[in-house]
Amino acid sequence: MARAFDEARAAAARGEVPVGAAVAHGERLLAAAGNRTRALNDPTAHAEILAIRAACAALGAERLTGCDLYVTLEPCPMCAAAISFARIRRLYFAAYDPKGGAVENGVRLYGQPTCHHAPEVYGGLRESEAAELLRRFFEEKR
């Protein structure tokens, strides 16, 4: 989770929404990324998507079976679906997202009968730290 927070802070420094993600296989860090939607002019360049792509490239595989994803904010519907398709074993996230989240809020994707794979989910890790990072970022933008 520490690396995900490093990526979130780096994203904020670039003017991106401060969300970071890291993919690990056991003790091995495969990939880490922060949001880059503005830098890449790509609405799909969320931290989770970028980290999943890089981890797949590192393993030379389309699935991340046995891998864990750490992210500073509850994933949105797009990212939650990508996590499912990648067959991530465990999802750890920091702050809950009542408005845009799709794991514990919103569509609750992993509880839907059409969801092919649901990771183990652990939310609220370092929640206040992640929430404060987001709060400060948006206060500075106003």
C-alpha atoms as a PDB file:
ATOM      1  CA  MET A   1       0.000   0.000   0.000  1.00  0.00           C
ATOM      2  CA  ALA A   2       2.943   2.310   0.628  1.00  0.00           C
ATOM      3  CA  ARG A   3       3.871   2.243  -3.056  1.00  0.00           C
ATOM      4  CA  ALA A   4       0.277   3.020  -4.061  1.00  0.00           C
ATOM      5  CA  PHE A   5       0.382   6.095  -1.816  1.00  0.00           C
ATOM      6  CA  ASP A   6       3.699   7.168  -3.374  1.00  0.00           C
ATOM      7  CA  GLU A   7       2.050   6.937  -6.791  1.00  0.00           C
ATOM      8  CA  ALA A   8      -0.999   8.901  -5.580  1.00  0.00           C
ATOM      9  CA  ARG A   9       1.203  11.720  -4.279  1.00  0.00           C
ATOM     10  CA  ALA A  10       3.139  11.760  -7.571  1.00  0.00           C
ATOM     11  CA  ALA A  11      -0.149  11.957  -9.480  1.00  0.00           C
ATOM     12  CA  ALA A  12      -1.219  14.960  -7.386  1.00  0.00           C
ATOM     13  CA  ALA A  13       2.106  16.657  -8.106  1.00  0.00           C
ATOM     14  CA  ARG A  14       1.356  16.234 -11.840  1.00  0.00           C
ATOM     15  CA  GLY A  15      -2.095  17.770 -11.399  1.00  0.00           C
ATOM     16  CA  GLU A  16      -3.872  14.412 -11.683  1.00  0.00           C
ATOM     17  CA  VAL A  17      -6.483  13.159  -9.216  1.00  0.00           C
ATOM     18  CA  PRO A  18      -4.312  11.553  -6.521  1.00  0.00           C
ATOM     19  CA  VAL A  19      -5.020   7.865  -6.907  1.00  0.00           C
ATOM     20  CA  GLY A  20      -2.250   5.286  -6.948  1.00  0.00           C
ATOM     21  CA  ALA A  21      -2.161   1.540  -7.454  1.00  0.00           C
ATOM     22  CA  ALA A  22       0.366  -1.271  -7.126  1.00  0.00           C
ATOM     23  CA  VAL A  23       0.258  -4.921  -8.191  1.00  0.00           C
ATOM     24  CA  ALA A  24       2.227  -7.517  -6.268  1.00  0.00           C
ATOM     25  CA  HIS A  25       2.782 -11.243  -6.603  1.00  0.00           C
ATOM     26  CA  GLY A  26       3.756 -12.372  -3.136  1.00  0.00           C
ATOM     27  CA  GLU A  27       6.590 -10.090  -2.021  1.00  0.00           C
ATOM     28  CA  ARG A  28       7.436  -9.079  -5.605  1.00  0.00           C
ATOM     29  CA  LEU A  29       6.176  -5.712  -6.822  1.00  0.00           C
ATOM     30  CA  LEU A  30       5.206  -6.161 -10.465  1.00  0.00           C
ATOM     31  CA  ALA A  31       3.935  -2.686 -11.292  1.00  0.00           C
ATOM     32  CA  ALA A  32       2.791   0.601  -9.822  1.00  0.00           C
ATOM     33  CA  ALA A  33       1.075   3.599 -11.371  1.00  0.00           C
ATOM     34  CA  GLY A  34      -0.801   6.775 -10.609  1.00  0.00           C
ATOM     35  CA  ASN A  35      -3.633   8.377 -12.518  1.00  0.00           C
ATOM     36  CA  ARG A  36      -2.569   9.788 -15.909  1.00  0.00           C
ATOM     37  CA  THR A  37      -5.878  10.643 -17.555  1.00  0.00           C
ATOM     38  CA  ARG A  38      -4.884  14.256 -18.196  1.00  0.00           C
ATOM     39  CA  ALA A  39      -1.288  13.575 -19.219  1.00  0.00           C
ATOM     40  CA  LEU A  40      -2.305  10.882 -21.692  1.00  0.00           C
ATOM     41  CA  ASN A  41      -5.612  12.459 -22.753  1.00  0.00           C
ATOM     42  CA  ASP A  42      -7.120   9.077 -21.985  1.00  0.00           C
ATOM     43  CA  PRO A  43     -10.178   8.621 -19.762  1.00  0.00           C
ATOM     44  CA  THR A  44      -9.186   4.986 -19.195  1.00  0.00           C
ATOM     45  CA  ALA A  45      -5.741   5.863 -17.778  1.00  0.00           C
ATOM     46  CA  HIS A  46      -6.780   5.264 -14.180  1.00  0.00           C
ATOM     47  CA  ALA A  47      -4.073   4.065 -11.796  1.00  0.00           C
ATOM     48  CA  GLU A  48      -5.556   0.567 -11.574  1.00  0.00           C
ATOM     49  CA  ILE A  49      -5.752   0.109 -15.346  1.00  0.00           C
ATOM     50  CA  LEU A  50      -2.179   1.313 -15.871  1.00  0.00           C
ATOM     51  CA  ALA A  51      -0.842  -0.905 -13.088  1.00  0.00           C
ATOM     52  CA  ILE A  52      -2.739  -3.937 -14.399  1.00  0.00           C
ATOM     53  CA  ARG A  53      -1.417  -3.360 -17.936  1.00  0.00           C
ATOM     54  CA  ALA A  54       2.158  -3.034 -16.684  1.00  0.00           C
ATOM     55  CA  ALA A  55       1.870  -6.117 -14.453  1.00  0.00           C
ATOM     56  CA  CYS A  56       0.491  -8.186 -17.346  1.00  0.00           C
ATOM     57  CA  ALA A  57       3.395  -7.019 -19.509  1.00  0.00           C
ATOM     58  CA  ALA A  58       5.877  -7.883 -16.746  1.00  0.00           C
ATOM     59  CA  LEU A  59       4.479 -11.404 -16.473  1.00  0.00           C
ATOM     60  CA  GLY A  60       3.816 -11.834 -20.187  1.00  0.00           C
ATOM     61  CA  ALA A  61       0.264 -12.937 -19.400  1.00  0.00           C
ATOM     62  CA  GLU A  62      -3.271 -11.626 -19.763  1.00  0.00           C
ATOM     63  CA  ARG A  63      -4.277 -12.817 -16.286  1.00  0.00           C
ATOM     64  CA  LEU A  64      -2.862 -11.859 -12.908  1.00  0.00           C
ATOM     65  CA  THR A  65      -3.891 -14.999 -11.052  1.00  0.00           C
ATOM     66  CA  GLY A  66      -2.312 -15.045  -7.601  1.00  0.00           C
ATOM     67  CA  CYS A  67      -1.619 -11.299  -7.683  1.00  0.00           C
ATOM     68  CA  ASP A  68      -2.889  -8.636  -5.314  1.00  0.00           C
ATOM     69  CA  LEU A  69      -3.834  -5.050  -6.138  1.00  0.00           C
ATOM     70  CA  TYR A  70      -3.386  -2.182  -3.699  1.00  0.00           C
ATOM     71  CA  VAL A  71      -5.163   1.082  -4.517  1.00  0.00           C
ATOM     72  CA  THR A  72      -5.754   4.296  -2.607  1.00  0.00           C
ATOM     73  CA  LEU A  73      -9.419   4.679  -3.606  1.00  0.00           C
ATOM     74  CA  GLU A  74     -12.281   2.228  -4.067  1.00  0.00           C
ATOM     75  CA  PRO A  75     -12.283   1.295  -7.767  1.00  0.00           C
ATOM     76  CA  CYS A  76     -14.838   2.722 -10.190  1.00  0.00           C
ATOM     77  CA  PRO A  77     -16.964   0.420 -12.398  1.00  0.00           C
ATOM     78  CA  MET A  78     -14.378   0.358 -15.200  1.00  0.00           C
ATOM     79  CA  CYS A  79     -11.519  -0.520 -12.878  1.00  0.00           C
ATOM     80  CA  ALA A  80     -13.561  -3.024 -10.876  1.00  0.00           C
ATOM     81  CA  ALA A  81     -14.380  -4.846 -14.113  1.00  0.00           C
ATOM     82  CA  ALA A  82     -10.724  -4.813 -15.212  1.00  0.00           C
ATOM     83  CA  ILE A  83      -9.752  -6.273 -11.825  1.00  0.00           C
ATOM     84  CA  SER A  84     -12.264  -9.066 -12.361  1.00  0.00           C
ATOM     85  CA  PHE A  85     -11.128  -9.763 -15.934  1.00  0.00           C
ATOM     86  CA  ALA A  86      -7.477  -9.815 -14.801  1.00  0.00           C
ATOM     87  CA  ARG A  87      -8.399 -12.392 -12.131  1.00  0.00           C
ATOM     88  CA  ILE A  88      -6.755 -10.401  -9.344  1.00  0.00           C
ATOM     89  CA  ARG A  89      -6.703 -12.559  -6.206  1.00  0.00           C
ATOM     90  CA  ARG A  90      -7.084  -9.829  -3.575  1.00  0.00           C
ATOM     91  CA  LEU A  91      -8.052  -6.172  -3.755  1.00  0.00           C
ATOM     92  CA  TYR A  92      -6.927  -3.868  -0.954  1.00  0.00           C
ATOM     93  CA  PHE A  93      -8.161  -0.284  -1.064  1.00  0.00           C
ATOM     94  CA  ALA A  94      -7.883   2.725   1.212  1.00  0.00           C
ATOM     95  CA  ALA A  95     -10.721   5.254   0.928  1.00  0.00           C
ATOM     96  CA  TYR A  96     -14.306   4.308   0.165  1.00  0.00           C
ATOM     97  CA  ASP A  97     -15.926   6.199  -2.720  1.00  0.00           C
ATOM     98  CA  PRO A  98     -19.668   6.583  -2.076  1.00  0.00           C
ATOM     99  CA  LYS A  99     -20.167   8.514  -5.325  1.00  0.00           C
ATOM    100  CA  GLY A 100     -18.011   6.667  -7.848  1.00  0.00           C
ATOM    101  CA  GLY A 101     -17.014   3.380  -6.258  1.00  0.00           C
ATOM    102  CA  ALA A 102     -18.263   0.079  -7.622  1.00  0.00           C
ATOM    103  CA  VAL A 103     -17.046  -2.415  -5.033  1.00  0.00           C
ATOM    104  CA  GLU A 104     -18.686  -1.526  -1.712  1.00  0.00           C
ATOM    105  CA  ASN A 105     -20.796   1.277  -3.199  1.00  0.00           C
ATOM    106  CA  GLY A 106     -22.744   1.865  -6.402  1.00  0.00           C
ATOM    107  CA  VAL A 107     -23.200  -1.215  -8.563  1.00  0.00           C
ATOM    108  CA  ARG A 108     -21.253  -3.489  -6.177  1.00  0.00           C
ATOM    109  CA  LEU A 109     -19.912  -5.288  -9.207  1.00  0.00           C
ATOM    110  CA  TYR A 110     -18.504  -8.337  -7.449  1.00  0.00           C
ATOM    111  CA  GLY A 111     -21.916  -9.205  -6.030  1.00  0.00           C
ATOM    112  CA  GLN A 112     -23.589  -9.276  -9.437  1.00  0.00           C
ATOM    113  CA  PRO A 113     -24.506 -12.651 -10.976  1.00  0.00           C
ATOM    114  CA  THR A 114     -22.833 -11.612 -14.252  1.00  0.00           C
ATOM    115  CA  CYS A 115     -19.451 -11.093 -12.564  1.00  0.00           C
ATOM    116  CA  HIS A 116     -17.118 -13.897 -13.654  1.00  0.00           C
ATOM    117  CA  HIS A 117     -14.494 -13.444 -10.921  1.00  0.00           C
ATOM    118  CA  ALA A 118     -14.668 -11.637  -7.597  1.00  0.00           C
ATOM    119  CA  PRO A 119     -11.435 -10.968  -5.729  1.00  0.00           C
ATOM    120  CA  GLU A 120     -11.211 -11.050  -1.970  1.00  0.00           C
ATOM    121  CA  VAL A 121     -11.811  -7.424  -0.944  1.00  0.00           C
ATOM    122  CA  TYR A 122     -10.324  -5.524   1.986  1.00  0.00           C
ATOM    123  CA  GLY A 123     -11.367  -1.870   2.201  1.00  0.00           C
ATOM    124  CA  GLY A 124     -10.596   0.996   4.520  1.00  0.00           C
ATOM    125  CA  LEU A 125      -6.822   0.465   4.871  1.00  0.00           C
ATOM    126  CA  ARG A 126      -5.233   3.846   5.674  1.00  0.00           C
ATOM    127  CA  GLU A 127      -8.620   5.336   4.788  1.00  0.00           C
ATOM    128  CA  SER A 128      -8.189   8.677   6.558  1.00  0.00           C
ATOM    129  CA  GLU A 129      -4.801   9.258   4.912  1.00  0.00           C
ATOM    130  CA  ALA A 130      -6.229   8.635   1.453  1.00  0.00           C
ATOM    131  CA  ALA A 131      -9.304  10.751   2.116  1.00  0.00           C
ATOM    132  CA  GLU A 132      -7.132  13.641   3.326  1.00  0.00           C
ATOM    133  CA  LEU A 133      -4.941  13.422   0.218  1.00  0.00           C
ATOM    134  CA  LEU A 134      -8.026  13.675  -2.001  1.00  0.00           C
ATOM    135  CA  ARG A 135      -9.599  16.420   0.115  1.00  0.00           C
ATOM    136  CA  ARG A 136      -6.449  18.583  -0.019  1.00  0.00           C
ATOM    137  CA  PHE A 137      -6.099  18.068  -3.774  1.00  0.00           C
ATOM    138  CA  PHE A 138      -9.631  19.226  -4.532  1.00  0.00           C
ATOM    139  CA  GLU A 139      -9.465  22.145  -2.071  1.00  0.00           C
ATOM    140  CA  GLU A 140      -6.375  23.422  -3.896  1.00  0.00           C
ATOM    141  CA  LYS A 141      -8.168  23.114  -7.249  1.00  0.00           C
ATOM    142  CA  ARG A 142     -11.081  25.293  -6.116  1.00  0.00           C
END
